[in-house]
């Protein structure tokens, strides 16, 4: 019985920790919401979450799943778009075949920073692998 109670507490804590990433629109700074609304007037079904010190607006568009990331003062930091694995640069595919040939790539995305820098991200085995615009591996982080 004690093990069951402990298990329920652990599961509840994990669920609570994950839920804290999502935000209600009222918890997003007005400057962020205003900047997003001005840039993306047609988008209505927005999911907000906090990513470090930044705020991320996730939404569906005709292009697929998208996100716009803003600093707390409403400055656009970057945009992110889900892409198909086939759309990754060849360097990414070469790296994955060499280093993760026995693992499935769960998803892929393309991030464009406000300065125009493009990076690609793939999720493999619970890790996000980050690549530059040419497909050169940069770093990994926990998904």
N, C-alpha and C. Protein backbone atom coordinates (compact mmCIF):
# COMPACT_ATOMS: atom_id res chain seq x y z
N UNK A 1 0.82 -1.19 0.00
CA UNK A 1 0.00 0.00 0.00
C UNK A 1 0.87 1.27 0.00
N UNK A 2 1.95 1.23 0.79
CA UNK A 2 2.85 2.38 0.85
C UNK A 2 3.47 2.63 -0.52
N UNK A 3 3.81 1.53 -1.23
CA UNK A 3 4.41 1.67 -2.56
C UNK A 3 3.41 2.30 -3.53
N UNK A 4 2.17 1.92 -3.44
CA UNK A 4 1.13 2.47 -4.31
C UNK A 4 0.96 3.96 -4.06
N UNK A 5 0.92 4.36 -2.80
CA UNK A 5 0.79 5.77 -2.47
C UNK A 5 2.00 6.55 -2.98
N UNK A 6 3.19 6.00 -2.78
CA UNK A 6 4.41 6.65 -3.26
C UNK A 6 4.37 6.78 -4.78
N UNK A 7 3.94 5.73 -5.48
CA UNK A 7 3.84 5.77 -6.93
C UNK A 7 2.87 6.86 -7.38
N UNK A 8 1.73 6.98 -6.72
CA UNK A 8 0.76 8.01 -7.07
C UNK A 8 1.32 9.41 -6.84
N UNK A 9 2.08 9.58 -5.77
CA UNK A 9 2.69 10.89 -5.50
C UNK A 9 3.71 11.23 -6.58
N UNK A 10 4.54 10.26 -6.97
CA UNK A 10 5.56 10.49 -8.00
C UNK A 10 4.89 10.83 -9.33
N UNK A 11 3.89 10.05 -9.73
CA UNK A 11 3.19 10.30 -10.99
C UNK A 11 2.52 11.68 -10.96
N UNK A 12 1.90 12.02 -9.85
CA UNK A 12 1.27 13.33 -9.72
C UNK A 12 2.28 14.46 -9.81
N UNK A 13 3.45 14.26 -9.22
CA UNK A 13 4.50 15.29 -9.28
C UNK A 13 5.01 15.48 -10.69
N UNK A 14 5.20 14.38 -11.40
CA UNK A 14 5.67 14.46 -12.79
C UNK A 14 4.63 15.17 -13.64
N UNK A 15 3.37 14.81 -13.48
CA UNK A 15 2.30 15.44 -14.24
C UNK A 15 2.24 16.93 -13.94
N UNK A 16 2.37 17.29 -12.67
CA UNK A 16 2.34 18.70 -12.29
C UNK A 16 3.51 19.45 -12.89
N UNK A 17 4.71 18.84 -12.86
CA UNK A 17 5.90 19.50 -13.42
C UNK A 17 5.73 19.75 -14.90
N UNK A 18 5.17 18.77 -15.62
CA UNK A 18 4.96 18.94 -17.05
C UNK A 18 3.89 19.99 -17.32
N UNK A 19 2.85 20.04 -16.50
CA UNK A 19 1.77 21.00 -16.70
C UNK A 19 2.25 22.43 -16.49
N UNK A 20 3.28 22.62 -15.70
CA UNK A 20 3.77 23.97 -15.43
C UNK A 20 4.40 24.60 -16.66
N UNK A 21 4.79 23.83 -17.65
CA UNK A 21 5.35 24.39 -18.87
C UNK A 21 4.28 25.14 -19.67
N UNK A 22 3.06 24.62 -19.66
CA UNK A 22 1.96 25.26 -20.38
C UNK A 22 1.48 26.46 -19.58
N UNK A 23 1.07 27.49 -20.29
CA UNK A 23 0.59 28.71 -19.65
C UNK A 23 -0.80 29.06 -20.14
N UNK A 24 -1.55 29.68 -19.27
CA UNK A 24 -2.81 30.28 -19.67
C UNK A 24 -2.48 31.61 -20.33
N UNK A 25 -3.27 32.05 -21.26
CA UNK A 25 -3.00 33.32 -21.95
C UNK A 25 -2.89 34.48 -20.97
N UNK A 26 -3.65 34.43 -19.88
CA UNK A 26 -3.60 35.52 -18.90
C UNK A 26 -2.24 35.60 -18.20
N UNK A 27 -1.45 34.52 -18.25
CA UNK A 27 -0.14 34.49 -17.60
C UNK A 27 0.99 34.92 -18.52
N UNK A 28 0.66 35.25 -19.75
CA UNK A 28 1.65 35.69 -20.74
C UNK A 28 1.69 37.22 -20.70
N UNK A 29 2.89 37.81 -20.65
CA UNK A 29 2.96 39.28 -20.63
C UNK A 29 2.20 39.92 -21.79
N UNK A 30 1.57 41.04 -21.52
CA UNK A 30 0.79 41.75 -22.52
C UNK A 30 1.63 42.10 -23.74
N UNK A 31 2.89 42.50 -23.53
CA UNK A 31 3.76 42.85 -24.66
C UNK A 31 3.96 41.67 -25.60
N UNK A 32 4.03 40.47 -25.04
CA UNK A 32 4.21 39.26 -25.86
C UNK A 32 2.94 38.96 -26.64
N UNK A 33 1.81 38.98 -25.96
CA UNK A 33 0.53 38.71 -26.64
C UNK A 33 0.25 39.74 -27.72
N UNK A 34 0.54 41.01 -27.44
CA UNK A 34 0.30 42.06 -28.42
C UNK A 34 1.20 41.89 -29.65
N UNK A 35 2.47 41.57 -29.43
CA UNK A 35 3.40 41.38 -30.54
C UNK A 35 2.96 40.19 -31.40
N UNK A 36 2.55 39.11 -30.75
CA UNK A 36 2.09 37.94 -31.50
C UNK A 36 0.83 38.28 -32.30
N UNK A 37 -0.14 38.92 -31.66
CA UNK A 37 -1.40 39.26 -32.33
C UNK A 37 -1.17 40.17 -33.53
N UNK A 38 -0.24 41.09 -33.41
CA UNK A 38 0.06 42.01 -34.51
C UNK A 38 0.69 41.26 -35.69
N UNK A 39 1.60 40.33 -35.39
CA UNK A 39 2.31 39.60 -36.45
C UNK A 39 1.49 38.45 -37.04
N UNK A 40 0.62 37.87 -36.23
CA UNK A 40 -0.13 36.68 -36.66
C UNK A 40 -1.62 36.90 -36.41
N UNK A 41 -2.19 37.89 -37.06
CA UNK A 41 -3.57 38.29 -36.83
C UNK A 41 -4.58 37.18 -37.09
N UNK A 42 -4.29 36.31 -38.03
CA UNK A 42 -5.25 35.28 -38.42
C UNK A 42 -5.23 34.06 -37.50
N UNK A 43 -4.22 33.92 -36.69
CA UNK A 43 -4.11 32.74 -35.83
C UNK A 43 -4.96 32.90 -34.59
N UNK A 44 -5.78 31.90 -34.30
CA UNK A 44 -6.72 32.01 -33.19
C UNK A 44 -6.47 30.97 -32.10
N UNK A 45 -6.17 29.75 -32.45
CA UNK A 45 -6.04 28.67 -31.46
C UNK A 45 -4.57 28.58 -31.04
N UNK A 46 -4.20 29.34 -30.01
CA UNK A 46 -2.81 29.47 -29.59
C UNK A 46 -2.59 28.72 -28.28
N UNK A 47 -1.54 27.94 -28.22
CA UNK A 47 -1.10 27.32 -26.97
C UNK A 47 0.17 28.03 -26.53
N UNK A 48 0.17 28.53 -25.30
CA UNK A 48 1.32 29.26 -24.78
C UNK A 48 2.10 28.38 -23.83
N UNK A 49 3.41 28.52 -23.85
CA UNK A 49 4.25 27.87 -22.86
C UNK A 49 5.49 28.73 -22.62
N UNK A 50 6.15 28.45 -21.53
CA UNK A 50 7.36 29.19 -21.18
C UNK A 50 8.54 28.31 -21.51
N UNK A 51 9.52 28.89 -22.21
CA UNK A 51 10.73 28.18 -22.61
C UNK A 51 11.92 28.98 -22.08
N UNK A 52 12.38 28.63 -20.88
CA UNK A 52 13.43 29.43 -20.24
C UNK A 52 12.85 30.77 -19.87
N UNK A 53 13.48 31.85 -20.34
CA UNK A 53 12.97 33.21 -20.10
C UNK A 53 12.03 33.68 -21.20
N UNK A 54 11.86 32.87 -22.23
CA UNK A 54 11.05 33.25 -23.39
C UNK A 54 9.66 32.64 -23.32
N UNK A 55 8.78 33.18 -24.15
CA UNK A 55 7.40 32.71 -24.25
C UNK A 55 7.18 32.19 -25.66
N UNK A 56 6.56 31.01 -25.74
CA UNK A 56 6.36 30.36 -27.03
C UNK A 56 4.88 30.24 -27.33
N UNK A 57 4.50 30.74 -28.49
CA UNK A 57 3.13 30.62 -28.97
C UNK A 57 3.11 29.51 -30.01
N UNK A 58 2.42 28.43 -29.72
CA UNK A 58 2.31 27.30 -30.64
C UNK A 58 0.95 27.37 -31.33
N UNK A 59 0.96 27.16 -32.64
CA UNK A 59 -0.29 27.25 -33.40
C UNK A 59 -0.18 26.40 -34.66
N UNK A 60 -1.33 26.06 -35.21
CA UNK A 60 -1.39 25.31 -36.46
C UNK A 60 -1.64 26.28 -37.60
N UNK A 61 -0.90 26.10 -38.68
CA UNK A 61 -1.14 26.92 -39.87
C UNK A 61 -1.27 25.99 -41.06
N UNK A 62 -1.51 26.56 -42.22
CA UNK A 62 -1.61 25.75 -43.44
C UNK A 62 -0.29 25.05 -43.73
N UNK A 63 0.81 25.60 -43.23
CA UNK A 63 2.14 25.01 -43.43
C UNK A 63 2.42 23.88 -42.45
N UNK A 64 1.62 23.75 -41.40
CA UNK A 64 1.84 22.73 -40.38
C UNK A 64 1.95 23.35 -39.00
N UNK A 65 2.51 22.59 -38.07
CA UNK A 65 2.69 23.09 -36.71
C UNK A 65 3.78 24.15 -36.70
N UNK A 66 3.47 25.28 -36.07
CA UNK A 66 4.39 26.42 -36.04
C UNK A 66 4.51 26.92 -34.61
N UNK A 67 5.56 27.70 -34.38
CA UNK A 67 5.73 28.37 -33.09
C UNK A 67 6.46 29.68 -33.31
N UNK A 68 6.12 30.66 -32.50
CA UNK A 68 6.82 31.94 -32.49
C UNK A 68 7.30 32.15 -31.06
N UNK A 69 8.59 32.42 -30.90
CA UNK A 69 9.19 32.56 -29.58
C UNK A 69 9.53 34.03 -29.36
N UNK A 70 9.10 34.55 -28.20
CA UNK A 70 9.27 35.97 -27.86
C UNK A 70 10.00 36.11 -26.53
N UNK A 71 10.77 37.19 -26.41
CA UNK A 71 11.32 37.56 -25.11
C UNK A 71 10.19 38.16 -24.29
N UNK A 72 10.41 38.31 -22.99
CA UNK A 72 9.37 38.81 -22.09
C UNK A 72 8.90 40.22 -22.45
N UNK A 73 9.75 40.98 -23.17
CA UNK A 73 9.35 42.34 -23.54
C UNK A 73 8.68 42.40 -24.92
N UNK A 74 8.37 41.23 -25.50
CA UNK A 74 7.62 41.19 -26.75
C UNK A 74 8.46 41.21 -28.01
N UNK A 75 9.76 41.03 -27.89
CA UNK A 75 10.63 40.99 -29.07
C UNK A 75 10.67 39.57 -29.63
N UNK A 76 10.43 39.43 -30.93
CA UNK A 76 10.51 38.12 -31.56
C UNK A 76 11.95 37.61 -31.48
N UNK A 77 12.11 36.38 -31.02
CA UNK A 77 13.42 35.75 -30.91
C UNK A 77 13.64 34.81 -32.09
N UNK A 78 12.63 33.97 -32.37
CA UNK A 78 12.74 33.02 -33.47
C UNK A 78 11.37 32.46 -33.81
N UNK A 79 11.32 31.79 -34.95
CA UNK A 79 10.13 31.04 -35.34
C UNK A 79 10.55 29.60 -35.59
N UNK A 80 9.62 28.70 -35.37
CA UNK A 80 9.92 27.28 -35.54
C UNK A 80 8.79 26.63 -36.33
N UNK A 81 9.17 25.73 -37.24
CA UNK A 81 8.20 25.06 -38.07
C UNK A 81 8.54 23.57 -38.13
N UNK A 82 7.55 22.72 -37.88
CA UNK A 82 7.76 21.29 -38.04
C UNK A 82 7.94 21.00 -39.53
N UNK A 83 8.89 20.12 -39.82
CA UNK A 83 9.14 19.72 -41.20
C UNK A 83 9.20 18.19 -41.26
N UNK A 84 9.10 17.67 -42.45
CA UNK A 84 9.23 16.22 -42.58
C UNK A 84 10.71 15.85 -42.49
N UNK A 85 10.97 14.66 -42.07
CA UNK A 85 12.35 14.19 -41.94
C UNK A 85 13.05 14.24 -43.29
N UNK A 86 12.32 14.01 -44.35
CA UNK A 86 12.90 14.05 -45.70
C UNK A 86 13.38 15.44 -46.08
N UNK A 87 12.88 16.48 -45.40
CA UNK A 87 13.28 17.85 -45.72
C UNK A 87 14.52 18.32 -44.95
N UNK A 88 15.09 17.45 -44.13
CA UNK A 88 16.32 17.81 -43.42
C UNK A 88 17.48 17.88 -44.39
N UNK A 89 18.46 18.75 -44.14
CA UNK A 89 19.65 18.80 -45.02
C UNK A 89 20.37 17.45 -45.04
N UNK A 90 21.07 17.16 -46.12
CA UNK A 90 21.74 15.87 -46.26
C UNK A 90 22.75 15.63 -45.14
N UNK A 91 23.40 16.68 -44.63
CA UNK A 91 24.36 16.52 -43.54
C UNK A 91 23.71 15.96 -42.28
N UNK A 92 22.47 16.35 -42.02
CA UNK A 92 21.74 15.83 -40.86
C UNK A 92 21.49 14.34 -41.07
N UNK A 93 21.05 13.98 -42.26
CA UNK A 93 20.75 12.58 -42.54
C UNK A 93 22.01 11.73 -42.44
N UNK A 94 23.13 12.24 -42.93
CA UNK A 94 24.40 11.50 -42.83
C UNK A 94 24.79 11.29 -41.37
N UNK A 95 24.65 12.33 -40.56
CA UNK A 95 24.97 12.23 -39.13
C UNK A 95 24.07 11.18 -38.46
N UNK A 96 22.77 11.24 -38.75
CA UNK A 96 21.84 10.30 -38.14
C UNK A 96 22.13 8.86 -38.55
N UNK A 97 22.44 8.65 -39.82
CA UNK A 97 22.75 7.30 -40.29
C UNK A 97 24.03 6.77 -39.64
N UNK A 98 24.98 7.64 -39.43
CA UNK A 98 26.26 7.23 -38.84
C UNK A 98 26.14 7.02 -37.32
N UNK A 99 25.42 7.90 -36.64
CA UNK A 99 25.41 7.89 -35.18
C UNK A 99 24.14 7.34 -34.53
N UNK A 100 23.06 7.25 -35.29
CA UNK A 100 21.78 6.80 -34.73
C UNK A 100 21.04 5.89 -35.69
N UNK A 101 21.76 5.06 -36.41
CA UNK A 101 21.13 4.24 -37.45
C UNK A 101 20.09 3.27 -36.91
N UNK A 102 20.19 2.89 -35.64
CA UNK A 102 19.24 1.94 -35.06
C UNK A 102 18.11 2.63 -34.29
N UNK A 103 18.04 3.95 -34.39
CA UNK A 103 17.03 4.69 -33.63
C UNK A 103 16.13 5.49 -34.57
N UNK A 104 14.88 5.57 -34.18
CA UNK A 104 13.90 6.28 -34.98
C UNK A 104 13.93 7.78 -34.68
N UNK A 105 13.87 8.59 -35.72
CA UNK A 105 13.75 10.03 -35.57
C UNK A 105 12.27 10.32 -35.36
N UNK A 106 11.94 10.90 -34.20
CA UNK A 106 10.53 11.13 -33.87
C UNK A 106 9.95 12.33 -34.59
N UNK A 107 10.72 13.40 -34.69
CA UNK A 107 10.22 14.62 -35.33
C UNK A 107 11.38 15.48 -35.78
N UNK A 108 11.07 16.43 -36.63
CA UNK A 108 12.08 17.35 -37.15
C UNK A 108 11.47 18.75 -37.24
N UNK A 109 12.32 19.75 -37.03
CA UNK A 109 11.84 21.13 -37.15
C UNK A 109 12.96 22.03 -37.67
N UNK A 110 12.53 23.17 -38.18
CA UNK A 110 13.43 24.20 -38.69
C UNK A 110 13.18 25.47 -37.89
N UNK A 111 14.25 26.02 -37.33
CA UNK A 111 14.15 27.25 -36.54
C UNK A 111 14.86 28.37 -37.27
N UNK A 112 14.21 29.50 -37.35
CA UNK A 112 14.81 30.69 -37.96
C UNK A 112 14.86 31.78 -36.90
N UNK A 113 16.08 32.19 -36.54
CA UNK A 113 16.26 33.28 -35.58
C UNK A 113 16.02 34.61 -36.27
N UNK A 114 15.78 35.66 -35.49
CA UNK A 114 15.49 36.97 -36.07
C UNK A 114 16.65 37.49 -36.91
N UNK A 115 17.87 37.03 -36.65
CA UNK A 115 19.02 37.47 -37.46
C UNK A 115 19.16 36.67 -38.75
N UNK A 116 18.22 35.74 -38.98
CA UNK A 116 18.23 34.94 -40.20
C UNK A 116 18.94 33.61 -40.07
N UNK A 117 19.59 33.36 -38.94
CA UNK A 117 20.27 32.08 -38.72
C UNK A 117 19.25 30.95 -38.68
N UNK A 118 19.54 29.89 -39.42
CA UNK A 118 18.65 28.73 -39.47
C UNK A 118 19.34 27.55 -38.81
N UNK A 119 18.57 26.85 -37.97
CA UNK A 119 19.03 25.59 -37.39
C UNK A 119 17.94 24.54 -37.58
N UNK A 120 18.37 23.30 -37.52
CA UNK A 120 17.44 22.17 -37.63
C UNK A 120 17.53 21.37 -36.35
N UNK A 121 16.41 20.77 -35.98
CA UNK A 121 16.36 19.99 -34.75
C UNK A 121 15.64 18.68 -35.02
N UNK A 122 16.20 17.60 -34.50
CA UNK A 122 15.54 16.30 -34.59
C UNK A 122 15.46 15.72 -33.19
N UNK A 123 14.44 14.92 -32.95
CA UNK A 123 14.33 14.23 -31.68
C UNK A 123 14.61 12.75 -31.89
N UNK A 124 15.63 12.27 -31.18
CA UNK A 124 16.04 10.87 -31.26
C UNK A 124 16.31 10.39 -29.84
N UNK A 125 15.67 9.32 -29.43
CA UNK A 125 15.88 8.71 -28.12
C UNK A 125 15.78 9.71 -26.97
N UNK A 126 14.79 10.56 -26.99
CA UNK A 126 14.59 11.50 -25.90
C UNK A 126 15.56 12.67 -25.88
N UNK A 127 16.34 12.82 -26.95
CA UNK A 127 17.29 13.92 -27.05
C UNK A 127 16.97 14.75 -28.28
N UNK A 128 17.10 16.06 -28.15
CA UNK A 128 16.99 16.96 -29.29
C UNK A 128 18.39 17.18 -29.83
N UNK A 129 18.60 16.86 -31.09
CA UNK A 129 19.89 17.07 -31.75
C UNK A 129 19.77 18.31 -32.60
N UNK A 130 20.70 19.25 -32.44
CA UNK A 130 20.65 20.54 -33.12
C UNK A 130 21.74 20.58 -34.18
N UNK A 131 21.38 21.07 -35.38
CA UNK A 131 22.28 21.15 -36.53
C UNK A 131 22.24 22.55 -37.12
N UNK A 132 23.32 22.97 -37.76
CA UNK A 132 23.31 24.26 -38.43
C UNK A 132 22.60 24.14 -39.78
N UNK A 133 22.55 25.21 -40.52
CA UNK A 133 21.79 25.23 -41.78
C UNK A 133 22.37 24.30 -42.84
N UNK A 134 23.64 23.92 -42.69
CA UNK A 134 24.26 22.98 -43.63
C UNK A 134 24.15 21.53 -43.17
N UNK A 135 23.58 21.33 -41.99
CA UNK A 135 23.42 19.97 -41.48
C UNK A 135 24.57 19.53 -40.60
N UNK A 136 25.44 20.44 -40.18
CA UNK A 136 26.54 20.09 -39.29
C UNK A 136 26.01 20.02 -37.86
N UNK A 137 26.34 18.91 -37.18
CA UNK A 137 25.90 18.71 -35.80
C UNK A 137 26.48 19.81 -34.90
N UNK A 138 25.62 20.41 -34.05
CA UNK A 138 26.06 21.45 -33.12
C UNK A 138 26.04 20.98 -31.68
N UNK A 139 24.90 20.45 -31.23
CA UNK A 139 24.78 20.03 -29.83
C UNK A 139 23.54 19.18 -29.62
N UNK A 140 23.44 18.62 -28.43
CA UNK A 140 22.28 17.85 -28.02
C UNK A 140 21.75 18.44 -26.72
N UNK A 141 20.44 18.26 -26.52
CA UNK A 141 19.83 18.64 -25.24
C UNK A 141 18.68 17.69 -24.98
N UNK A 142 18.34 17.53 -23.71
CA UNK A 142 17.25 16.64 -23.35
C UNK A 142 15.95 17.17 -23.92
N UNK A 143 15.19 16.28 -24.54
CA UNK A 143 13.92 16.67 -25.17
C UNK A 143 12.88 17.04 -24.15
